[in-house]
C-alpha atoms as a PDB file:
ATOM      1  CA  UNK A   1     -17.236 -43.444  21.180  1.00  0.00           C
ATOM      2  CA  UNK A   2     -17.425 -40.238  23.203  1.00  0.00           C
ATOM      3  CA  UNK A   3     -13.639 -40.177  23.623  1.00  0.00           C
ATOM      4  CA  UNK A   4     -13.114 -40.441  19.856  1.00  0.00           C
ATOM      5  CA  UNK A   5     -15.631 -37.662  19.255  1.00  0.00           C
ATOM      6  CA  UNK A   6     -13.925 -35.482  21.890  1.00  0.00           C
ATOM      7  CA  UNK A   7     -10.499 -36.073  20.289  1.00  0.00           C
ATOM      8  CA  UNK A   8     -11.897 -35.202  16.873  1.00  0.00           C
ATOM      9  CA  UNK A   9     -13.382 -31.947  18.214  1.00  0.00           C
ATOM     10  CA  UNK A  10     -10.089 -31.156  19.951  1.00  0.00           C
ATOM     11  CA  UNK A  11      -8.145 -31.669  16.696  1.00  0.00           C
ATOM     12  CA  UNK A  12     -10.623 -29.451  14.814  1.00  0.00           C
ATOM     13  CA  UNK A  13     -10.274 -26.725  17.482  1.00  0.00           C
ATOM     14  CA  UNK A  14      -6.456 -26.842  17.299  1.00  0.00           C
ATOM     15  CA  UNK A  15      -6.552 -26.630  13.490  1.00  0.00           C
ATOM     16  CA  UNK A  16      -8.951 -23.682  13.690  1.00  0.00           C
ATOM     17  CA  UNK A  17      -6.640 -21.854  16.126  1.00  0.00           C
ATOM     18  CA  UNK A  18      -3.621 -22.486  13.871  1.00  0.00           C
ATOM     19  CA  UNK A  19      -5.583 -21.202  10.851  1.00  0.00           C
ATOM     20  CA  UNK A  20      -6.650 -18.061  12.744  1.00  0.00           C
ATOM     21  CA  UNK A  21      -3.070 -17.319  13.815  1.00  0.00           C
ATOM     22  CA  UNK A  22      -1.841 -17.816  10.248  1.00  0.00           C
ATOM     23  CA  UNK A  23      -4.471 -15.427   8.839  1.00  0.00           C
ATOM     24  CA  UNK A  24      -3.552 -12.851  11.492  1.00  0.00           C
ATOM     25  CA  UNK A  25       0.161 -13.040  10.661  1.00  0.00           C
ATOM     26  CA  UNK A  26      -0.275 -12.638   6.892  1.00  0.00           C
ATOM     27  CA  UNK A  27      -2.894  -9.866   7.169  1.00  0.00           C
ATOM     28  CA  UNK A  28      -1.594  -6.967   5.025  1.00  0.00           C
ATOM     29  CA  UNK A  29      -3.369  -4.357   7.151  1.00  0.00           C
ATOM     30  CA  UNK A  30      -1.455  -5.590  10.199  1.00  0.00           C
ATOM     31  CA  UNK A  31       1.798  -5.380   8.226  1.00  0.00           C
ATOM     32  CA  UNK A  32       0.905  -1.812   7.216  1.00  0.00           C
ATOM     33  CA  UNK A  33       0.207  -0.818  10.826  1.00  0.00           C
ATOM     34  CA  UNK A  34       3.426  -2.494  11.985  1.00  0.00           C
ATOM     35  CA  UNK A  35       5.487  -0.629   9.366  1.00  0.00           C
ATOM     36  CA  UNK A  36       3.781   2.654  10.289  1.00  0.00           C
ATOM     37  CA  UNK A  37       4.573   2.168  13.974  1.00  0.00           C
ATOM     38  CA  UNK A  38       8.225   1.351  13.168  1.00  0.00           C
ATOM     39  CA  UNK A  39       8.334   4.246  10.654  1.00  0.00           C
ATOM     40  CA  UNK A  40       9.392   1.970   7.803  1.00  0.00           C
ATOM     41  CA  UNK A  41       8.395   1.874   4.140  1.00  0.00           C
ATOM     42  CA  UNK A  42       5.620  -0.543   3.156  1.00  0.00           C
ATOM     43  CA  UNK A  43       3.592  -0.663  -0.061  1.00  0.00           C
ATOM     44  CA  UNK A  44       0.233  -2.449   0.094  1.00  0.00           C
ATOM     45  CA  UNK A  45      -1.458  -2.937  -3.243  1.00  0.00           C
ATOM     46  CA  UNK A  46      -3.576  -5.385  -5.189  1.00  0.00           C
ATOM     47  CA  UNK A  47      -1.988  -4.724  -8.586  1.00  0.00           C
ATOM     48  CA  UNK A  48      -4.514  -6.826 -10.487  1.00  0.00           C
ATOM     49  CA  UNK A  49      -7.438  -4.844  -9.060  1.00  0.00           C
ATOM     50  CA  UNK A  50      -7.375  -1.369 -10.600  1.00  0.00           C
ATOM     51  CA  UNK A  51     -10.405  -0.233  -8.616  1.00  0.00           C
ATOM     52  CA  UNK A  52      -8.772  -0.824  -5.235  1.00  0.00           C
ATOM     53  CA  UNK A  53      -6.593   2.005  -3.925  1.00  0.00           C
ATOM     54  CA  UNK A  54      -3.090   1.297  -2.688  1.00  0.00           C
ATOM     55  CA  UNK A  55      -1.637   2.319   0.663  1.00  0.00           C
ATOM     56  CA  UNK A  56       1.928   3.383   1.383  1.00  0.00           C
ATOM     57  CA  UNK A  57       3.442   3.954   4.768  1.00  0.00           C
ATOM     58  CA  UNK A  58       6.665   5.921   5.033  1.00  0.00           C
ATOM     59  CA  UNK A  59       8.224   7.593   8.080  1.00  0.00           C
ATOM     60  CA  UNK A  60       5.096   6.913  10.116  1.00  0.00           C
ATOM     61  CA  UNK A  61       2.828   8.586   7.549  1.00  0.00           C
ATOM     62  CA  UNK A  62       0.139   6.832   5.527  1.00  0.00           C
ATOM     63  CA  UNK A  63      -0.507   7.793   1.913  1.00  0.00           C
ATOM     64  CA  UNK A  64      -3.357   6.548  -0.241  1.00  0.00           C
ATOM     65  CA  UNK A  65      -3.169   6.349  -4.025  1.00  0.00           C
ATOM     66  CA  UNK A  66      -6.159   6.242  -6.331  1.00  0.00           C
ATOM     67  CA  UNK A  67      -5.518   4.418  -9.594  1.00  0.00           C
ATOM     68  CA  UNK A  68      -7.163   5.428 -12.864  1.00  0.00           C
ATOM     69  CA  UNK A  69      -7.169   3.112 -15.851  1.00  0.00           C
ATOM     70  CA  UNK A  70      -6.388   4.406 -19.336  1.00  0.00           C
ATOM     71  CA  UNK A  71      -4.847   3.347 -22.605  1.00  0.00           C
ATOM     72  CA  UNK A  72      -1.255   3.195 -23.703  1.00  0.00           C
ATOM     73  CA  UNK A  73      -0.017   2.321 -27.181  1.00  0.00           C
ATOM     74  CA  UNK A  74      -0.298  -1.393 -26.532  1.00  0.00           C
ATOM     75  CA  UNK A  75      -2.775  -2.057 -23.704  1.00  0.00           C
ATOM     76  CA  UNK A  76      -4.961  -0.744 -20.938  1.00  0.00           C
ATOM     77  CA  UNK A  77      -2.781   0.333 -18.026  1.00  0.00           C
ATOM     78  CA  UNK A  78      -2.935   2.543 -14.951  1.00  0.00           C
ATOM     79  CA  UNK A  79      -2.093   5.930 -16.459  1.00  0.00           C
ATOM     80  CA  UNK A  80      -2.975   8.344 -13.674  1.00  0.00           C
ATOM     81  CA  UNK A  81      -2.455   8.079  -9.920  1.00  0.00           C
ATOM     82  CA  UNK A  82      -3.624  10.603  -7.374  1.00  0.00           C
ATOM     83  CA  UNK A  83      -1.868  10.380  -3.991  1.00  0.00           C
ATOM     84  CA  UNK A  84      -3.071  11.981  -0.766  1.00  0.00           C
ATOM     85  CA  UNK A  85      -1.964  11.867   2.853  1.00  0.00           C
ATOM     86  CA  UNK A  86      -4.272  10.363   5.469  1.00  0.00           C
ATOM     87  CA  UNK A  87      -3.219  12.871   8.138  1.00  0.00           C
ATOM     88  CA  UNK A  88      -1.881  16.022   6.439  1.00  0.00           C
ATOM     89  CA  UNK A  89      -1.228  17.668   9.796  1.00  0.00           C
ATOM     90  CA  UNK A  90       1.575  15.147  10.439  1.00  0.00           C
ATOM     91  CA  UNK A  91       3.539  16.004   7.282  1.00  0.00           C
ATOM     92  CA  UNK A  92       5.968  18.224   9.175  1.00  0.00           C
ATOM     93  CA  UNK A  93       9.550  17.277   8.315  1.00  0.00           C
ATOM     94  CA  UNK A  94       8.691  15.566   5.025  1.00  0.00           C
ATOM     95  CA  UNK A  95      11.112  16.686   2.302  1.00  0.00           C
ATOM     96  CA  UNK A  96      11.117  16.686  -1.477  1.00  0.00           C
ATOM     97  CA  UNK A  97      13.531  13.760  -1.550  1.00  0.00           C
ATOM     98  CA  UNK A  98      11.003  11.716   0.425  1.00  0.00           C
ATOM     99  CA  UNK A  99       8.337  12.489  -2.164  1.00  0.00           C
ATOM    100  CA  UNK A 100      10.736  11.604  -4.984  1.00  0.00           C
ATOM    101  CA  UNK A 101      11.419   8.273  -3.249  1.00  0.00           C
ATOM    102  CA  UNK A 102       7.675   7.582  -3.017  1.00  0.00           C
ATOM    103  CA  UNK A 103       7.203   8.494  -6.681  1.00  0.00           C
ATOM    104  CA  UNK A 104       9.996   6.130  -7.698  1.00  0.00           C
ATOM    105  CA  UNK A 105       8.388   3.295  -5.739  1.00  0.00           C
ATOM    106  CA  UNK A 106       5.024   3.917  -7.402  1.00  0.00           C
ATOM    107  CA  UNK A 107       6.565   4.231 -10.871  1.00  0.00           C
ATOM    108  CA  UNK A 108       8.394   0.920 -10.430  1.00  0.00           C
ATOM    109  CA  UNK A 109       4.990  -0.751 -10.086  1.00  0.00           C
ATOM    110  CA  UNK A 110       3.085   1.450 -12.567  1.00  0.00           C
ATOM    111  CA  UNK A 111       5.576   2.668 -15.202  1.00  0.00           C
ATOM    112  CA  UNK A 112       2.967   4.403 -17.418  1.00  0.00           C
ATOM    113  CA  UNK A 113       1.404   6.408 -14.593  1.00  0.00           C
ATOM    114  CA  UNK A 114       1.418  10.154 -14.157  1.00  0.00           C
ATOM    115  CA  UNK A 115       1.453  10.962 -10.444  1.00  0.00           C
ATOM    116  CA  UNK A 116      -0.590  13.808  -9.053  1.00  0.00           C
ATOM    117  CA  UNK A 117      -0.225  14.846  -5.412  1.00  0.00           C
ATOM    118  CA  UNK A 118      -3.248  16.226  -3.582  1.00  0.00           C
ATOM    119  CA  UNK A 119      -3.337  19.197  -1.221  1.00  0.00           C
ATOM    120  CA  UNK A 120      -1.217  20.133   0.790  1.00  0.00           C
ATOM    121  CA  UNK A 121       1.607  18.154  -0.815  1.00  0.00           C
ATOM    122  CA  UNK A 122       0.942  19.690  -4.233  1.00  0.00           C
ATOM    123  CA  UNK A 123       1.937  23.096  -2.802  1.00  0.00           C
ATOM    124  CA  UNK A 124       5.538  21.866  -2.672  1.00  0.00           C
ATOM    125  CA  UNK A 125       7.403  22.538  -5.922  1.00  0.00           C
ATOM    126  CA  UNK A 126       7.888  18.977  -7.181  1.00  0.00           C
ATOM    127  CA  UNK A 127       9.672  18.397 -10.488  1.00  0.00           C
ATOM    128  CA  UNK A 128       8.470  15.403 -12.495  1.00  0.00           C
ATOM    129  CA  UNK A 129      10.854  12.470 -12.706  1.00  0.00           C
ATOM    130  CA  UNK A 130      12.285  12.094 -16.214  1.00  0.00           C
ATOM    131  CA  UNK A 131      12.849   8.623 -17.607  1.00  0.00           C
ATOM    132  CA  UNK A 132      15.487   9.970 -20.020  1.00  0.00           C
ATOM    133  CA  UNK A 133      18.165  10.424 -17.360  1.00  0.00           C
END
């Protein structure tokens, strides 16, 4: 009886370890940190939750976007997004084309949104992206 109980506890422990490893691997925060360290692009967002901000990592920088809900002609959509940098002192070397790339990525997910950059990025002369091109 004790041997069966010990085997059952051992199986439960192995399943718990496998579950913990799985949760660690799929953790989006870990993926964001990994992409930041490798200086890759990664977009972390819960699109169905309009109250939760999204995070973008690009070239080792982390940007946070605040979503604001509004109305369009047909439905309620995210109509305004305000993006700021987590560490503005590390923005050296960031170019307009990088910001245009980030805007395109955000607009692919939120097509009705108007993007507003916060200080110090808003000091750069950024032209809005036209959909008519």
